[in-house]
PDB file of N, CA and C in Angstrom:
ATOM      1  N   MET A   1      -6.062   8.196 -10.509  1.00  0.00           N
ATOM      2  CA  MET A   1      -5.952   7.337  -9.348  1.00  0.00           C
ATOM      3  C   MET A   1      -7.336   6.858  -8.971  1.00  0.00           C
ATOM      4  N   ALA A   2      -7.398   5.609  -8.593  1.00  0.00           N
ATOM      5  CA  ALA A   2      -8.607   5.031  -8.018  1.00  0.00           C
ATOM      6  C   ALA A   2      -8.190   4.391  -6.703  1.00  0.00           C
ATOM      7  N   GLY A   3      -9.040   4.513  -5.722  1.00  0.00           N
ATOM      8  CA  GLY A   3      -8.682   3.952  -4.429  1.00  0.00           C
ATOM      9  C   GLY A   3      -9.898   3.625  -3.605  1.00  0.00           C
ATOM     10  N   ALA A   4      -9.653   2.844  -2.567  1.00  0.00           N
ATOM     11  CA  ALA A   4     -10.720   2.465  -1.650  1.00  0.00           C
ATOM     12  C   ALA A   4     -10.132   2.357  -0.252  1.00  0.00           C
ATOM     13  N   CYS A   5     -10.904   2.801   0.706  1.00  0.00           N
ATOM     14  CA  CYS A   5     -10.537   2.683   2.107  1.00  0.00           C
ATOM     15  C   CYS A   5     -11.586   1.798   2.770  1.00  0.00           C
ATOM     16  N   LEU A   6     -11.130   0.707   3.330  1.00  0.00           N
ATOM     17  CA  LEU A   6     -12.038  -0.232   3.981  1.00  0.00           C
ATOM     18  C   LEU A   6     -11.765  -0.249   5.474  1.00  0.00           C
ATOM     19  N   SER A   7     -12.770   0.044   6.254  1.00  0.00           N
ATOM     20  CA  SER A   7     -12.695  -0.068   7.707  1.00  0.00           C
ATOM     21  C   SER A   7     -13.736  -1.092   8.119  1.00  0.00           C
ATOM     22  N   PHE A   8     -13.285  -2.166   8.727  1.00  0.00           N
ATOM     23  CA  PHE A   8     -14.180  -3.273   9.022  1.00  0.00           C
ATOM     24  C   PHE A   8     -14.975  -3.087  10.306  1.00  0.00           C
ATOM     25  N   ASN A   9     -14.671  -2.040  11.066  1.00  0.00           N
ATOM     26  CA  ASN A   9     -15.425  -1.714  12.273  1.00  0.00           C
ATOM     27  C   ASN A   9     -15.507  -2.897  13.241  1.00  0.00           C
ATOM     28  N   ASP A  10     -14.388  -3.584  13.397  1.00  0.00           N
ATOM     29  CA  ASP A  10     -14.344  -4.709  14.324  1.00  0.00           C
ATOM     30  C   ASP A  10     -13.507  -4.335  15.557  1.00  0.00           C
ATOM     31  N   ALA A  11     -13.450  -5.224  16.515  1.00  0.00           N
ATOM     32  CA  ALA A  11     -12.728  -4.956  17.760  1.00  0.00           C
ATOM     33  C   ALA A  11     -11.225  -4.803  17.539  1.00  0.00           C
ATOM     34  N   ALA A  12     -10.713  -5.362  16.452  1.00  0.00           N
ATOM     35  CA  ALA A  12      -9.281  -5.287  16.172  1.00  0.00           C
ATOM     36  C   ALA A  12      -8.895  -4.079  15.322  1.00  0.00           C
ATOM     37  N   SER A  13      -9.849  -3.205  15.010  1.00  0.00           N
ATOM     38  CA  SER A  13      -9.601  -2.007  14.196  1.00  0.00           C
ATOM     39  C   SER A  13      -8.925  -2.332  12.862  1.00  0.00           C
ATOM     40  N   THR A  14      -9.429  -3.317  12.171  1.00  0.00           N
ATOM     41  CA  THR A  14      -8.878  -3.724  10.887  1.00  0.00           C
ATOM     42  C   THR A  14      -9.191  -2.670   9.831  1.00  0.00           C
ATOM     43  N   GLU A  15      -8.148  -2.247   9.104  1.00  0.00           N
ATOM     44  CA  GLU A  15      -8.293  -1.222   8.072  1.00  0.00           C
ATOM     45  C   GLU A  15      -7.450  -1.596   6.864  1.00  0.00           C
ATOM     46  N   ALA A  16      -7.899  -1.196   5.681  1.00  0.00           N
ATOM     47  CA  ALA A  16      -7.135  -1.398   4.454  1.00  0.00           C
ATOM     48  C   ALA A  16      -7.344  -0.202   3.532  1.00  0.00           C
ATOM     49  N   LEU A  17      -6.273   0.230   2.919  1.00  0.00           N
ATOM     50  CA  LEU A  17      -6.310   1.310   1.940  1.00  0.00           C
ATOM     51  C   LEU A  17      -5.655   0.779   0.682  1.00  0.00           C
ATOM     52  N   ILE A  18      -6.401   0.752  -0.420  1.00  0.00           N
ATOM     53  CA  ILE A  18      -5.928   0.216  -1.679  1.00  0.00           C
ATOM     54  C   ILE A  18      -5.947   1.333  -2.706  1.00  0.00           C
ATOM     55  N   GLY A  19      -4.873   1.471  -3.470  1.00  0.00           N
ATOM     56  CA  GLY A  19      -4.813   2.512  -4.477  1.00  0.00           C
ATOM     57  C   GLY A  19      -4.179   2.026  -5.762  1.00  0.00           C
ATOM     58  N   PHE A  20      -4.675   2.513  -6.886  1.00  0.00           N
ATOM     59  CA  PHE A  20      -4.122   2.197  -8.198  1.00  0.00           C
ATOM     60  C   PHE A  20      -3.936   3.507  -8.950  1.00  0.00           C
ATOM     61  N   ILE A  21      -2.739   3.740  -9.423  1.00  0.00           N
ATOM     62  CA  ILE A  21      -2.426   4.970 -10.148  1.00  0.00           C
ATOM     63  C   ILE A  21      -2.084   4.605 -11.585  1.00  0.00           C
ATOM     64  N   GLN A  22      -2.742   5.246 -12.530  1.00  0.00           N
ATOM     65  CA  GLN A  22      -2.468   5.053 -13.953  1.00  0.00           C
ATOM     66  C   GLN A  22      -2.065   6.390 -14.560  1.00  0.00           C
ATOM     67  N   ASP A  23      -0.906   6.450 -15.165  1.00  0.00           N
ATOM     68  CA  ASP A  23      -0.471   7.655 -15.857  1.00  0.00           C
ATOM     69  C   ASP A  23      -1.179   7.706 -17.210  1.00  0.00           C
ATOM     70  N   ILE A  24      -1.956   8.739 -17.453  1.00  0.00           N
ATOM     71  CA  ILE A  24      -2.744   8.807 -18.682  1.00  0.00           C
ATOM     72  C   ILE A  24      -1.899   9.190 -19.894  1.00  0.00           C
ATOM     73  N   ASP A  25      -0.678   9.706 -19.674  1.00  0.00           N
ATOM     74  CA  ASP A  25       0.192  10.078 -20.778  1.00  0.00           C
ATOM     75  C   ASP A  25       1.160   8.977 -21.178  1.00  0.00           C
ATOM     76  N   SER A  26       1.319   7.973 -20.362  1.00  0.00           N
ATOM     77  CA  SER A  26       2.244   6.877 -20.665  1.00  0.00           C
ATOM     78  C   SER A  26       1.652   5.568 -20.156  1.00  0.00           C
ATOM     79  N   GLU A  27       2.460   4.538 -20.151  1.00  0.00           N
ATOM     80  CA  GLU A  27       1.985   3.213 -19.742  1.00  0.00           C
ATOM     81  C   GLU A  27       2.176   2.943 -18.254  1.00  0.00           C
ATOM     82  N   GLY A  28       2.707   3.877 -17.511  1.00  0.00           N
ATOM     83  CA  GLY A  28       3.048   3.646 -16.112  1.00  0.00           C
ATOM     84  C   GLY A  28       1.845   3.457 -15.209  1.00  0.00           C
ATOM     85  N   ASN A  29       1.948   2.484 -14.308  1.00  0.00           N
ATOM     86  CA  ASN A  29       0.921   2.317 -13.292  1.00  0.00           C
ATOM     87  C   ASN A  29       1.529   1.735 -12.019  1.00  0.00           C
ATOM     88  N   VAL A  30       0.891   2.072 -10.908  1.00  0.00           N
ATOM     89  CA  VAL A  30       1.381   1.716  -9.579  1.00  0.00           C
ATOM     90  C   VAL A  30       0.218   1.165  -8.761  1.00  0.00           C
ATOM     91  N   LEU A  31       0.492   0.159  -7.960  1.00  0.00           N
ATOM     92  CA  LEU A  31      -0.483  -0.415  -7.044  1.00  0.00           C
ATOM     93  C   LEU A  31       0.072  -0.285  -5.633  1.00  0.00           C
ATOM     94  N   SER A  32      -0.752   0.207  -4.724  1.00  0.00           N
ATOM     95  CA  SER A  32      -0.316   0.317  -3.327  1.00  0.00           C
ATOM     96  C   SER A  32      -1.392  -0.257  -2.407  1.00  0.00           C
ATOM     97  N   LEU A  33      -0.938  -0.807  -1.301  1.00  0.00           N
ATOM     98  CA  LEU A  33      -1.825  -1.377  -0.296  1.00  0.00           C
ATOM     99  C   LEU A  33      -1.248  -1.066   1.071  1.00  0.00           C
ATOM    100  N   GLU A  34      -2.083  -0.524   1.936  1.00  0.00           N
ATOM    101  CA  GLU A  34      -1.715  -0.283   3.329  1.00  0.00           C
ATOM    102  C   GLU A  34      -2.801  -0.922   4.182  1.00  0.00           C
ATOM    103  N   SER A  35      -2.410  -1.721   5.153  1.00  0.00           N
ATOM    104  CA  SER A  35      -3.398  -2.342   6.028  1.00  0.00           C
ATOM    105  C   SER A  35      -2.833  -2.445   7.444  1.00  0.00           C
ATOM    106  N   SER A  36      -3.746  -2.482   8.410  1.00  0.00           N
ATOM    107  CA  SER A  36      -3.325  -2.607   9.802  1.00  0.00           C
ATOM    108  C   SER A  36      -4.412  -3.319  10.599  1.00  0.00           C
ATOM    109  N   ARG A  37      -3.973  -3.928  11.706  1.00  0.00           N
ATOM    110  CA  ARG A  37      -4.887  -4.660  12.577  1.00  0.00           C
ATOM    111  C   ARG A  37      -4.229  -4.814  13.944  1.00  0.00           C
ATOM    112  N   ARG A  38      -5.011  -4.578  14.987  1.00  0.00           N
ATOM    113  CA  ARG A  38      -4.522  -4.866  16.341  1.00  0.00           C
ATOM    114  C   ARG A  38      -4.594  -6.370  16.552  1.00  0.00           C
ATOM    115  N   ILE A  39      -3.546  -6.934  17.141  1.00  0.00           N
ATOM    116  CA  ILE A  39      -3.556  -8.370  17.405  1.00  0.00           C
ATOM    117  C   ILE A  39      -3.694  -8.679  18.900  1.00  0.00           C
ATOM    118  N   SER A  40      -3.673  -7.645  19.720  1.00  0.00           N
ATOM    119  CA  SER A  40      -3.997  -7.759  21.150  1.00  0.00           C
ATOM    120  C   SER A  40      -4.169  -6.336  21.680  1.00  0.00           C
ATOM    121  N   ASP A  41      -4.315  -6.194  22.994  1.00  0.00           N
ATOM    122  CA  ASP A  41      -4.451  -4.863  23.563  1.00  0.00           C
ATOM    123  C   ASP A  41      -3.184  -4.024  23.401  1.00  0.00           C
ATOM    124  N   HIS A  42      -2.042  -4.678  23.226  1.00  0.00           N
ATOM    125  CA  HIS A  42      -0.768  -3.966  23.189  1.00  0.00           C
ATOM    126  C   HIS A  42      -0.042  -4.061  21.851  1.00  0.00           C
ATOM    127  N   TRP A  43      -0.440  -4.955  20.975  1.00  0.00           N
ATOM    128  CA  TRP A  43       0.283  -5.186  19.731  1.00  0.00           C
ATOM    129  C   TRP A  43      -0.569  -4.820  18.521  1.00  0.00           C
ATOM    130  N   LYS A  44       0.104  -4.282  17.514  1.00  0.00           N
ATOM    131  CA  LYS A  44      -0.547  -3.936  16.248  1.00  0.00           C
ATOM    132  C   LYS A  44       0.388  -4.354  15.118  1.00  0.00           C
ATOM    133  N   ILE A  45      -0.167  -4.882  14.041  1.00  0.00           N
ATOM    134  CA  ILE A  45       0.633  -5.260  12.876  1.00  0.00           C
ATOM    135  C   ILE A  45       0.176  -4.426  11.680  1.00  0.00           C
ATOM    136  N   THR A  46       1.148  -3.967  10.901  1.00  0.00           N
ATOM    137  CA  THR A  46       0.886  -3.105   9.760  1.00  0.00           C
ATOM    138  C   THR A  46       1.616  -3.653   8.538  1.00  0.00           C
ATOM    139  N   LEU A  47       0.944  -3.640   7.391  1.00  0.00           N
ATOM    140  CA  LEU A  47       1.524  -4.061   6.125  1.00  0.00           C
ATOM    141  C   LEU A  47       1.413  -2.905   5.140  1.00  0.00           C
ATOM    142  N   ASP A  48       2.529  -2.507   4.558  1.00  0.00           N
ATOM    143  CA  ASP A  48       2.564  -1.462   3.537  1.00  0.00           C
ATOM    144  C   ASP A  48       3.272  -2.029   2.312  1.00  0.00           C
ATOM    145  N   THR A  49       2.636  -1.929   1.145  1.00  0.00           N
ATOM    146  CA  THR A  49       3.243  -2.403  -0.094  1.00  0.00           C
ATOM    147  C   THR A  49       3.120  -1.337  -1.170  1.00  0.00           C
ATOM    148  N   TYR A  50       4.035  -1.389  -2.119  1.00  0.00           N
ATOM    149  CA  TYR A  50       4.076  -0.440  -3.218  1.00  0.00           C
ATOM    150  C   TYR A  50       4.706  -1.159  -4.397  1.00  0.00           C
ATOM    151  N   PHE A  51       3.978  -1.295  -5.497  1.00  0.00           N
ATOM    152  CA  PHE A  51       4.474  -2.004  -6.669  1.00  0.00           C
ATOM    153  C   PHE A  51       4.347  -1.133  -7.909  1.00  0.00           C
ATOM    154  N   VAL A  52       5.444  -0.975  -8.650  1.00  0.00           N
ATOM    155  CA  VAL A  52       5.398  -0.347  -9.967  1.00  0.00           C
ATOM    156  C   VAL A  52       5.113  -1.480 -10.950  1.00  0.00           C
ATOM    157  N   LEU A  53       3.927  -1.499 -11.524  1.00  0.00           N
ATOM    158  CA  LEU A  53       3.512  -2.609 -12.369  1.00  0.00           C
ATOM    159  C   LEU A  53       4.009  -2.478 -13.799  1.00  0.00           C
ATOM    160  N   ASN A  54       4.105  -1.272 -14.287  1.00  0.00           N
ATOM    161  CA  ASN A  54       4.495  -1.073 -15.674  1.00  0.00           C
ATOM    162  C   ASN A  54       5.057   0.335 -15.820  1.00  0.00           C
ATOM    163  N   SER A  55       6.121   0.483 -16.589  1.00  0.00           N
ATOM    164  CA  SER A  55       6.653   1.812 -16.872  1.00  0.00           C
ATOM    165  C   SER A  55       7.489   1.747 -18.141  1.00  0.00           C
ATOM    166  N   SER A  56       7.483   2.816 -18.900  1.00  0.00           N
ATOM    167  CA  SER A  56       8.303   2.911 -20.101  1.00  0.00           C
ATOM    168  C   SER A  56       9.444   3.886 -19.828  1.00  0.00           C
ATOM    169  N   GLU A  57      10.401   3.961 -20.729  1.00  0.00           N
ATOM    170  CA  GLU A  57      11.566   4.823 -20.527  1.00  0.00           C
ATOM    171  C   GLU A  57      11.198   6.299 -20.472  1.00  0.00           C
ATOM    172  N   ARG A  58      10.096   6.690 -21.059  1.00  0.00           N
ATOM    173  CA  ARG A  58       9.685   8.099 -21.042  1.00  0.00           C
ATOM    174  C   ARG A  58       8.805   8.429 -19.836  1.00  0.00           C
ATOM    175  N   ASP A  59       8.573   7.457 -18.989  1.00  0.00           N
ATOM    176  CA  ASP A  59       7.703   7.617 -17.831  1.00  0.00           C
ATOM    177  C   ASP A  59       8.493   8.119 -16.618  1.00  0.00           C
ATOM    178  N   ALA A  60       7.889   8.973 -15.811  1.00  0.00           N
ATOM    179  CA  ALA A  60       8.538   9.472 -14.589  1.00  0.00           C
ATOM    180  C   ALA A  60       8.800   8.356 -13.588  1.00  0.00           C
ATOM    181  N   LEU A  61       8.036   7.272 -13.655  1.00  0.00           N
ATOM    182  CA  LEU A  61       8.214   6.139 -12.743  1.00  0.00           C
ATOM    183  C   LEU A  61       9.310   5.173 -13.188  1.00  0.00           C
ATOM    184  N   TYR A  62       9.934   5.417 -14.333  1.00  0.00           N
ATOM    185  CA  TYR A  62      10.899   4.472 -14.883  1.00  0.00           C
ATOM    186  C   TYR A  62      12.061   4.203 -13.925  1.00  0.00           C
ATOM    187  N   SER A  63      12.515   5.223 -13.224  1.00  0.00           N
ATOM    188  CA  SER A  63      13.635   5.034 -12.289  1.00  0.00           C
ATOM    189  C   SER A  63      13.240   4.175 -11.085  1.00  0.00           C
ATOM    190  N   LEU A  64      11.936   3.999 -10.848  1.00  0.00           N
ATOM    191  CA  LEU A  64      11.456   3.186  -9.721  1.00  0.00           C
ATOM    192  C   LEU A  64      11.008   1.792 -10.144  1.00  0.00           C
ATOM    193  N   ARG A  65      11.235   1.415 -11.398  1.00  0.00           N
ATOM    194  CA  ARG A  65      10.673   0.168 -11.936  1.00  0.00           C
ATOM    195  C   ARG A  65      11.127  -1.081 -11.179  1.00  0.00           C
ATOM    196  N   ASP A  66      12.300  -1.052 -10.567  1.00  0.00           N
ATOM    197  CA  ASP A  66      12.816  -2.210  -9.832  1.00  0.00           C
ATOM    198  C   ASP A  66      12.750  -2.011  -8.325  1.00  0.00           C
ATOM    199  N   ASP A  67      11.994  -1.009  -7.862  1.00  0.00           N
ATOM    200  CA  ASP A  67      11.983  -0.652  -6.446  1.00  0.00           C
ATOM    201  C   ASP A  67      10.655  -0.957  -5.764  1.00  0.00           C
ATOM    202  N   ASP A  68      10.095  -2.125  -6.012  1.00  0.00           N
ATOM    203  CA  ASP A  68       8.887  -2.521  -5.297  1.00  0.00           C
ATOM    204  C   ASP A  68       9.220  -2.626  -3.808  1.00  0.00           C
ATOM    205  N   ASN A  69       8.213  -2.416  -2.978  1.00  0.00           N
ATOM    206  CA  ASN A  69       8.459  -2.368  -1.543  1.00  0.00           C
ATOM    207  C   ASN A  69       7.378  -3.132  -0.790  1.00  0.00           C
ATOM    208  N   ILE A  70       7.800  -3.947   0.157  1.00  0.00           N
ATOM    209  CA  ILE A  70       6.896  -4.611   1.093  1.00  0.00           C
ATOM    210  C   ILE A  70       7.466  -4.391   2.487  1.00  0.00           C
ATOM    211  N   GLN A  71       6.652  -3.835   3.359  1.00  0.00           N
ATOM    212  CA  GLN A  71       7.092  -3.557   4.727  1.00  0.00           C
ATOM    213  C   GLN A  71       6.065  -4.108   5.703  1.00  0.00           C
ATOM    214  N   ILE A  72       6.533  -4.891   6.648  1.00  0.00           N
ATOM    215  CA  ILE A  72       5.683  -5.413   7.718  1.00  0.00           C
ATOM    216  C   ILE A  72       6.233  -4.867   9.029  1.00  0.00           C
ATOM    217  N   GLU A  73       5.337  -4.301   9.815  1.00  0.00           N
ATOM    218  CA  GLU A  73       5.753  -3.677  11.070  1.00  0.00           C
ATOM    219  C   GLU A  73       4.890  -4.210  12.212  1.00  0.00           C
ATOM    220  N   ARG A  74       5.527  -4.546  13.296  1.00  0.00           N
ATOM    221  CA  ARG A  74       4.822  -4.945  14.514  1.00  0.00           C
ATOM    222  C   ARG A  74       5.141  -3.903  15.579  1.00  0.00           C
ATOM    223  N   SER A  75       4.103  -3.316  16.153  1.00  0.00           N
ATOM    224  CA  SER A  75       4.272  -2.235  17.117  1.00  0.00           C
ATOM    225  C   SER A  75       3.693  -2.640  18.470  1.00  0.00           C
ATOM    226  N   TYR A  76       4.379  -2.196  19.523  1.00  0.00           N
ATOM    227  CA  TYR A  76       3.903  -2.454  20.877  1.00  0.00           C
ATOM    228  C   TYR A  76       3.468  -1.128  21.489  1.00  0.00           C
ATOM    229  N   TYR A  77       2.288  -1.109  22.065  1.00  0.00           N
ATOM    230  CA  TYR A  77       1.745   0.066  22.734  1.00  0.00           C
ATOM    231  C   TYR A  77       1.537  -0.244  24.219  1.00  0.00           C
ATOM    232  N   PHE A  78       1.868   0.693  25.066  1.00  0.00           N
ATOM    233  CA  PHE A  78       1.671   0.479  26.510  1.00  0.00           C
ATOM    234  C   PHE A  78       0.889   1.595  27.119  1.00  0.00           C
TER     235      PHE A  78
END
């Protein structure tokens, strides 16, 4: 796995977490991205993604090959 966490240290608390997983025994690999940012004093938006980029039948990720995920969340804080 290789990954990076980026915190932009701005007033909106912008953050991103990027990860890449490569299975060394097979061809399977996964890319993930999580990011968030405040859009006002009360609202925050979050993006979470998960993509299976490649997998073979002998790979543990094979059952997830068609299960890519994108989630966008808007949260209100009071």
